Protein backbone atom coordinates (compact mmCIF):
# COMPACT_ATOMS: atom_id res chain seq x y z
CA MET A 1 -214.85 34.33 -31.00
CA THR A 2 -218.05 34.18 -31.73
CA LYS A 3 -221.08 32.70 -30.13
CA GLU A 4 -222.06 31.23 -34.12
CA TRP A 5 -218.22 29.89 -34.49
CA THR A 6 -219.29 28.09 -30.86
CA LYS A 7 -221.69 26.90 -31.90
CA VAL A 8 -219.88 24.86 -33.67
CA PHE A 9 -217.43 23.29 -32.11
CA ILE A 10 -220.11 22.04 -30.40
CA ALA A 11 -221.30 20.64 -33.33
CA ALA A 12 -218.38 19.01 -34.02
CA PHE A 13 -218.41 17.23 -30.46
CA PHE A 14 -221.57 16.17 -30.98
CA GLU A 15 -220.63 15.00 -34.13
CA VAL A 16 -218.51 12.65 -32.15
CA PHE A 17 -220.78 11.18 -30.42
CA TRP A 18 -223.62 10.35 -32.49
CA VAL A 19 -220.16 8.79 -35.15
CA ILE A 20 -218.67 6.64 -32.05
CA GLY A 21 -222.09 5.76 -31.35
CA LEU A 22 -223.37 4.81 -35.13
CA LYS A 23 -220.27 2.23 -34.53
CA HIS A 24 -220.82 1.14 -31.91
CA ALA A 25 -224.44 1.02 -30.52
CA ASP A 26 -226.22 -2.18 -29.04
CA ASP A 27 -228.65 -1.10 -27.43
CA ILE A 28 -232.15 1.06 -27.78
CA TRP A 29 -230.66 4.02 -24.91
CA THR A 30 -226.94 3.97 -27.20
CA TRP A 31 -229.55 4.08 -30.24
CA ALA A 32 -231.12 6.81 -28.55
CA GLY A 33 -228.09 9.06 -27.32
CA THR A 34 -226.46 8.27 -31.16
CA ALA A 35 -230.11 9.97 -32.51
CA VAL A 36 -230.15 12.37 -30.01
CA ALA A 37 -225.78 13.39 -31.20
CA ILE A 38 -227.30 14.00 -34.72
CA PHE A 39 -229.67 16.02 -34.42
CA VAL A 40 -228.38 18.52 -32.02
CA SER A 41 -224.78 18.29 -34.46
CA PHE A 42 -226.70 19.15 -36.92
CA TYR A 43 -229.27 21.52 -35.20
CA LEU A 44 -226.21 23.77 -33.89
CA LEU A 45 -224.35 23.12 -37.53
CA ILE A 46 -227.77 24.06 -39.58
CA MET A 47 -228.27 27.60 -37.34
CA ALA A 48 -224.14 28.43 -37.22
CA GLY A 49 -224.44 28.20 -41.25
CA ASN A 50 -227.06 30.97 -41.43
CA LYS A 51 -225.03 33.89 -40.26
CA LEU A 52 -221.93 32.16 -41.65
CA PRO A 53 -220.33 31.09 -44.49
CA VAL A 54 -221.13 27.89 -44.68
CA GLY A 55 -218.54 25.67 -46.69
CA THR A 56 -215.82 27.49 -43.56
CA ALA A 57 -218.31 26.40 -41.23
CA TYR A 58 -218.53 23.26 -43.09
CA ALA A 59 -214.72 22.24 -43.56
CA VAL A 60 -214.30 22.66 -39.48
CA PHE A 61 -217.88 20.74 -38.35
CA VAL A 62 -216.59 18.21 -40.75
CA GLY A 63 -212.69 18.67 -39.56
CA MET A 64 -213.03 19.38 -35.66
CA GLY A 65 -215.23 15.98 -36.25
CA THR A 66 -213.12 13.84 -37.30
CA ALA A 67 -209.71 14.35 -35.12
CA GLY A 68 -212.33 14.12 -32.30
CA THR A 69 -213.16 10.51 -33.38
CA VAL A 70 -210.30 9.26 -34.65
CA LEU A 71 -208.46 10.32 -30.71
CA SER A 72 -211.30 8.93 -28.63
CA GLU A 73 -211.25 5.69 -31.01
CA ILE A 74 -207.47 6.08 -29.90
CA LEU A 75 -208.29 7.11 -26.05
CA PHE A 76 -211.16 5.35 -25.77
CA PHE A 77 -211.84 1.87 -27.70
CA GLY A 78 -207.96 0.79 -28.14
CA GLU A 79 -207.54 1.85 -32.00
CA PRO A 80 -203.43 1.68 -32.63
CA VAL A 81 -201.54 4.60 -32.61
CA LYS A 82 -199.49 5.70 -34.64
CA ILE A 83 -197.17 8.79 -36.32
CA VAL A 84 -198.65 9.52 -39.69
CA LYS A 85 -202.23 9.82 -38.32
CA LEU A 86 -201.15 12.02 -35.56
CA LEU A 87 -199.32 13.90 -37.92
CA LEU A 88 -202.24 13.84 -40.45
CA ILE A 89 -204.74 15.09 -37.65
CA LEU A 90 -202.30 17.68 -36.96
CA VAL A 91 -202.46 19.24 -40.30
CA LEU A 92 -205.85 18.71 -40.56
CA LEU A 93 -206.29 20.63 -37.97
CA ALA A 94 -203.88 23.58 -38.57
CA GLY A 95 -205.98 23.83 -41.84
CA VAL A 96 -209.76 23.94 -40.17
CA ILE A 97 -208.38 26.75 -38.19
CA GLY A 98 -206.13 28.40 -40.39
CA LEU A 99 -210.02 28.13 -42.72
CA LYS A 100 -211.65 29.82 -39.46
CA LEU A 101 -208.68 32.88 -38.91
CA VAL A 102 -208.47 33.78 -42.83
CA THR A 103 -212.96 33.97 -42.42
CA ASP A 104 -214.90 37.38 -42.83
CA ASN A 105 -217.09 36.41 -39.47
CA THR A 106 -219.85 38.98 -40.63
CA GLU A 107 -219.15 37.13 -44.88
CA GLY A 108 -221.79 34.79 -44.68
CA GLU A 109 -224.16 37.00 -43.06
CA LYS A 110 -227.87 37.46 -44.51
CA SER A 111 -228.47 41.30 -45.00
CA SER A 112 -231.86 42.93 -43.19
């Protein structure tokens, strides 16, 4: 895995925090944390997009963020567990992994 893909995965991790923050923030500190998570998430995604194919990087970012958000809501906030929801997350993750596997890392690189 390249450094650029690592940036996408870390960006998706921070996406989970800011999406949850938008729903649950209720004081200055949680709003500040949400703002920091938004900044870090998009900064890393933009930096990775300079070297990776933007469409694939964005799809991986959104897919991982969506799966992480849904799972976090279930694990930490009491969202009901539905088998269909879990199966759809697995399908989403399979698509994200498939996109990453079939994407040539040099495809989106700019020539110097």
